[in-house]
Amino acid sequence: MNYKQTLDNTAEALQTIIEYVGASKIPTENYGWQNVRFVSDFFRYAHIERYSDKNLEVLHFTCFPNEWCSDPIFGFDIITTDKKCLAAFMDMSPVDNKKTFNIGVEFTTPYKLPDWAKLIFSENVLAVVPTDVEFEMICDMVQHIFTEYLTDLASCKEKSLRVEYIKAAQNRYCENQQKNERTYNVLKAKLGADTAKYFMENILFPKIK
């Protein structure tokens, strides 16, 4: 199984979907691997991170709705070595409006979520250790689900009266994601403590100021 190529293709497909709606790229410093960030009329922030070395392959993707839109936060992560899949996650994490996706598949091995994740992910979160067949399925699935999600964001034109609630909910999501010690420790080994903290708080999970 060529995990690297499949993740490269998936990252490219997600970027194409985002660019199709006229999103603009945000200039991003070179941290040593691919990080592409976007803003648009439909969302306040989206980020594709594609990390690849001889030991680890990672595709991380998030999309945050505008602060006045009650739709959930879209998140997707998939991690492999060169020999096996380690984990895959996909969720529409609720803010002020619960939406979900219909997978219609029973996956073989669930992944046990850490406590911080249970505070912010939906009850329908996909968290699994995929087989090779499931890995391919998930990489295909995320493209269709994100396209539908983006269509919903595009139709979110009526501004919520609960903007402060939405801001707090998005910031709570970011704060909890920033508690992921595994991600932080990997970044710290690559970038040093200060830059790893900056990356977690400003590139991966930026709060609404």
Protein backbone atom coordinates (compact mmCIF):
# COMPACT_ATOMS: atom_id res chain seq x y z
CA MET A 1 0.00 0.00 0.00
CA ASN A 2 1.42 3.38 -1.03
CA TYR A 3 0.10 5.48 1.84
CA LYS A 4 2.17 8.49 0.88
CA GLN A 5 0.74 8.76 -2.63
CA THR A 6 -2.83 8.30 -1.45
CA LEU A 7 -2.44 11.01 1.20
CA ASP A 8 -0.78 13.33 -1.33
CA ASN A 9 -3.72 12.80 -3.69
CA THR A 10 -6.26 13.36 -0.91
CA ALA A 11 -4.60 16.59 0.22
CA GLU A 12 -4.57 17.82 -3.39
CA ALA A 13 -8.23 16.94 -3.81
CA LEU A 14 -9.24 18.82 -0.65
CA GLN A 15 -7.28 21.86 -1.84
CA THR A 16 -9.02 21.73 -5.22
CA ILE A 17 -12.44 21.63 -3.51
CA ILE A 18 -11.53 24.68 -1.42
CA GLU A 19 -10.10 26.64 -4.33
CA TYR A 20 -13.22 25.89 -6.41
CA VAL A 21 -15.30 28.13 -4.11
CA GLY A 22 -12.88 31.01 -4.57
CA ALA A 23 -10.98 30.73 -1.30
CA SER A 24 -7.82 32.79 -0.93
CA LYS A 25 -4.51 31.44 0.35
CA ILE A 26 -2.97 32.95 3.46
CA PRO A 27 0.81 33.45 3.28
CA THR A 28 2.37 30.80 5.53
CA GLU A 29 5.92 30.49 6.79
CA ASN A 30 7.85 27.39 5.70
CA TYR A 31 8.08 25.03 8.66
CA GLY A 32 9.71 22.25 6.67
CA TRP A 33 6.59 20.52 5.39
CA GLN A 34 3.43 21.45 3.50
CA ASN A 35 1.01 23.82 5.23
CA VAL A 36 -1.60 25.56 3.09
CA ARG A 37 -4.10 27.95 4.69
CA PHE A 38 -7.22 29.60 3.32
CA VAL A 39 -9.91 32.17 4.06
CA SER A 40 -13.13 32.70 2.12
CA ASP A 41 -16.60 34.20 2.33
CA PHE A 42 -17.83 30.78 3.50
CA PHE A 43 -15.41 30.10 6.34
CA ARG A 44 -12.99 32.00 8.57
CA TYR A 45 -10.10 29.55 8.28
CA ALA A 46 -9.12 26.27 6.64
CA HIS A 47 -5.79 24.48 6.89
CA ILE A 48 -4.27 21.53 5.05
CA GLU A 49 -1.16 20.07 6.66
CA ARG A 50 0.72 17.31 4.84
CA TYR A 51 3.68 15.95 6.78
CA SER A 52 5.89 13.22 5.33
CA ASP A 53 9.16 11.62 6.40
CA LYS A 54 10.67 8.14 6.42
CA ASN A 55 8.81 7.22 9.62
CA LEU A 56 5.49 9.05 9.49
CA GLU A 57 2.81 10.20 7.07
CA VAL A 58 0.19 12.69 8.30
CA LEU A 59 -2.70 14.48 6.65
CA HIS A 60 -4.41 17.01 8.91
CA PHE A 61 -7.31 19.16 7.75
CA THR A 62 -9.64 21.60 9.49
CA CYS A 63 -12.28 24.07 8.36
CA PHE A 64 -13.80 26.62 10.74
CA PRO A 65 -17.08 28.35 9.81
CA ASN A 66 -17.42 32.11 10.11
CA GLU A 67 -18.01 33.28 13.67
CA TRP A 68 -21.60 34.19 12.87
CA CYS A 69 -22.42 30.79 11.33
CA SER A 70 -23.77 28.10 13.65
CA ASP A 71 -22.49 25.16 11.57
CA PRO A 72 -19.99 22.69 13.09
CA ILE A 73 -16.21 22.60 12.66
CA PHE A 74 -14.96 20.06 10.12
CA GLY A 75 -11.89 18.07 11.10
CA PHE A 76 -10.00 15.23 9.45
CA ASP A 77 -6.76 13.50 10.41
CA ILE A 78 -5.11 10.35 9.15
CA ILE A 79 -1.75 9.01 10.30
CA THR A 80 0.32 6.12 8.96
CA THR A 81 3.85 4.78 9.00
CA ASP A 82 5.29 3.43 5.76
CA LYS A 83 3.97 0.00 6.75
CA LYS A 84 0.58 0.45 8.43
CA CYS A 85 -2.26 2.82 9.30
CA LEU A 86 -2.14 4.13 12.85
CA ALA A 87 -5.37 6.14 13.11
CA ALA A 88 -8.02 8.09 11.23
CA PHE A 89 -10.43 10.72 12.54
CA MET A 90 -13.25 12.68 10.96
CA ASP A 91 -15.85 14.80 12.67
CA MET A 92 -18.28 17.66 12.39
CA SER A 93 -17.66 18.99 15.88
CA PRO A 94 -20.75 20.84 17.13
CA VAL A 95 -20.70 24.57 17.74
CA ASP A 96 -24.32 25.74 17.85
CA ASN A 97 -25.86 23.51 15.22
CA LYS A 98 -25.40 19.74 15.21
CA LYS A 99 -24.89 18.17 11.81
CA THR A 100 -23.35 14.84 10.95
CA PHE A 101 -22.44 12.58 8.07
CA ASN A 102 -23.75 9.16 7.21
CA ILE A 103 -20.88 6.72 6.82
CA GLY A 104 -22.94 3.57 6.41
CA VAL A 105 -19.90 1.39 7.16
CA GLU A 106 -18.94 -0.63 10.23
CA PHE A 107 -15.21 -0.22 10.77
CA THR A 108 -13.08 -3.01 12.20
CA THR A 109 -11.09 -1.36 15.01
CA PRO A 110 -12.21 1.71 16.97
CA TYR A 111 -9.63 4.16 18.31
CA LYS A 112 -9.91 5.16 21.97
CA LEU A 113 -10.18 8.94 22.19
CA PRO A 114 -8.32 10.93 24.87
CA ASP A 115 -10.40 12.77 27.45
CA TRP A 116 -9.85 16.22 25.90
CA ALA A 117 -11.24 14.98 22.57
CA LYS A 118 -14.42 13.66 24.20
CA LEU A 119 -15.20 17.20 25.33
CA ILE A 120 -15.37 18.63 21.81
CA PHE A 121 -16.04 15.88 19.28
CA SER A 122 -19.55 14.84 18.30
CA GLU A 123 -21.17 11.58 19.36
CA ASN A 124 -20.82 10.42 15.74
CA VAL A 125 -17.09 11.06 15.40
CA LEU A 126 -15.17 8.61 13.22
CA ALA A 127 -12.17 7.43 15.24
CA VAL A 128 -10.66 4.18 13.97
CA VAL A 129 -7.50 2.24 13.27
CA PRO A 130 -8.19 1.49 9.59
CA THR A 131 -7.32 -1.55 7.57
CA ASP A 132 -5.79 -0.85 4.17
CA VAL A 133 -9.20 -1.18 2.51
CA GLU A 134 -10.74 1.16 5.11
CA PHE A 135 -7.87 3.62 4.63
CA GLU A 136 -8.67 3.93 0.93
CA MET A 137 -12.37 4.21 1.71
CA ILE A 138 -11.86 7.00 4.25
CA CYS A 139 -9.62 9.01 1.91
CA ASP A 140 -12.31 8.82 -0.76
CA MET A 141 -15.12 9.48 1.71
CA VAL A 142 -13.66 12.69 3.13
CA GLN A 143 -13.70 14.36 -0.28
CA HIS A 144 -17.44 13.75 -0.73
CA ILE A 145 -18.35 14.66 2.84
CA PHE A 146 -16.31 17.87 2.81
CA THR A 147 -17.88 18.91 -0.51
CA GLU A 148 -21.33 18.54 1.07
CA TYR A 149 -20.16 20.37 4.18
CA LEU A 150 -18.84 23.28 2.10
CA THR A 151 -22.15 23.46 0.24
CA ASP A 152 -23.89 23.84 3.61
CA LEU A 153 -21.49 26.63 4.60
CA ALA A 154 -22.17 28.43 1.34
CA SER A 155 -25.88 28.45 2.16
CA CYS A 156 -25.29 29.77 5.69
CA LYS A 157 -26.23 33.37 4.91
CA GLU A 158 -28.45 34.25 7.87
CA LYS A 159 -26.25 35.52 10.67
CA SER A 160 -26.82 33.87 14.03
CA LEU A 161 -27.89 35.97 16.99
CA ARG A 162 -25.60 33.84 19.15
CA VAL A 163 -22.26 35.08 17.85
CA GLU A 164 -20.65 35.25 21.29
CA TYR A 165 -21.75 31.67 21.99
CA ILE A 166 -20.31 30.51 18.66
CA LYS A 167 -17.02 32.30 19.33
CA ALA A 168 -16.75 30.66 22.73
CA ALA A 169 -17.54 27.23 21.29
CA GLN A 170 -14.96 27.54 18.50
CA ASN A 171 -12.37 28.78 20.99
CA ARG A 172 -13.14 25.91 23.36
CA TYR A 173 -12.54 23.50 20.48
CA CYS A 174 -9.17 25.14 19.75
CA GLU A 175 -8.14 25.20 23.41
CA ASN A 176 -8.82 21.49 23.81
CA GLN A 177 -7.04 20.60 20.57
CA GLN A 178 -4.04 22.57 21.80
CA LYS A 179 -3.88 20.15 24.76
CA ASN A 180 -2.88 17.30 22.45
CA GLU A 181 0.50 16.46 23.96
CA ARG A 182 1.34 13.91 21.28
CA THR A 183 1.08 16.50 18.53
CA TYR A 184 2.93 19.08 20.60
CA ASN A 185 5.80 16.70 21.38
CA VAL A 186 6.26 15.80 17.70
CA LEU A 187 6.31 19.50 16.80
CA LYS A 188 8.65 20.31 19.68
CA ALA A 189 11.17 17.73 18.44
CA LYS A 190 11.05 19.32 14.99
CA LEU A 191 10.69 23.02 15.75
CA GLY A 192 11.64 23.63 19.39
CA ALA A 193 9.26 24.46 22.24
CA ASP A 194 8.42 28.08 21.38
CA THR A 195 7.76 27.52 17.68
CA ALA A 196 5.79 24.33 18.44
CA LYS A 197 3.53 26.33 20.78
CA TYR A 198 3.10 29.04 18.15
CA PHE A 199 2.29 26.43 15.51
CA MET A 200 -0.34 24.77 17.72
CA GLU A 201 -1.99 28.08 18.61
CA ASN A 202 -1.77 29.99 15.33
CA ILE A 203 -1.44 27.51 12.47
CA LEU A 204 -3.28 24.39 13.63
CA PHE A 205 -6.01 25.76 15.91
CA PRO A 206 -6.28 29.57 15.85
CA LYS A 207 -8.83 30.99 18.26
CA ILE A 208 -11.13 33.87 17.37
CA LYS A 209 -9.60 37.01 18.87
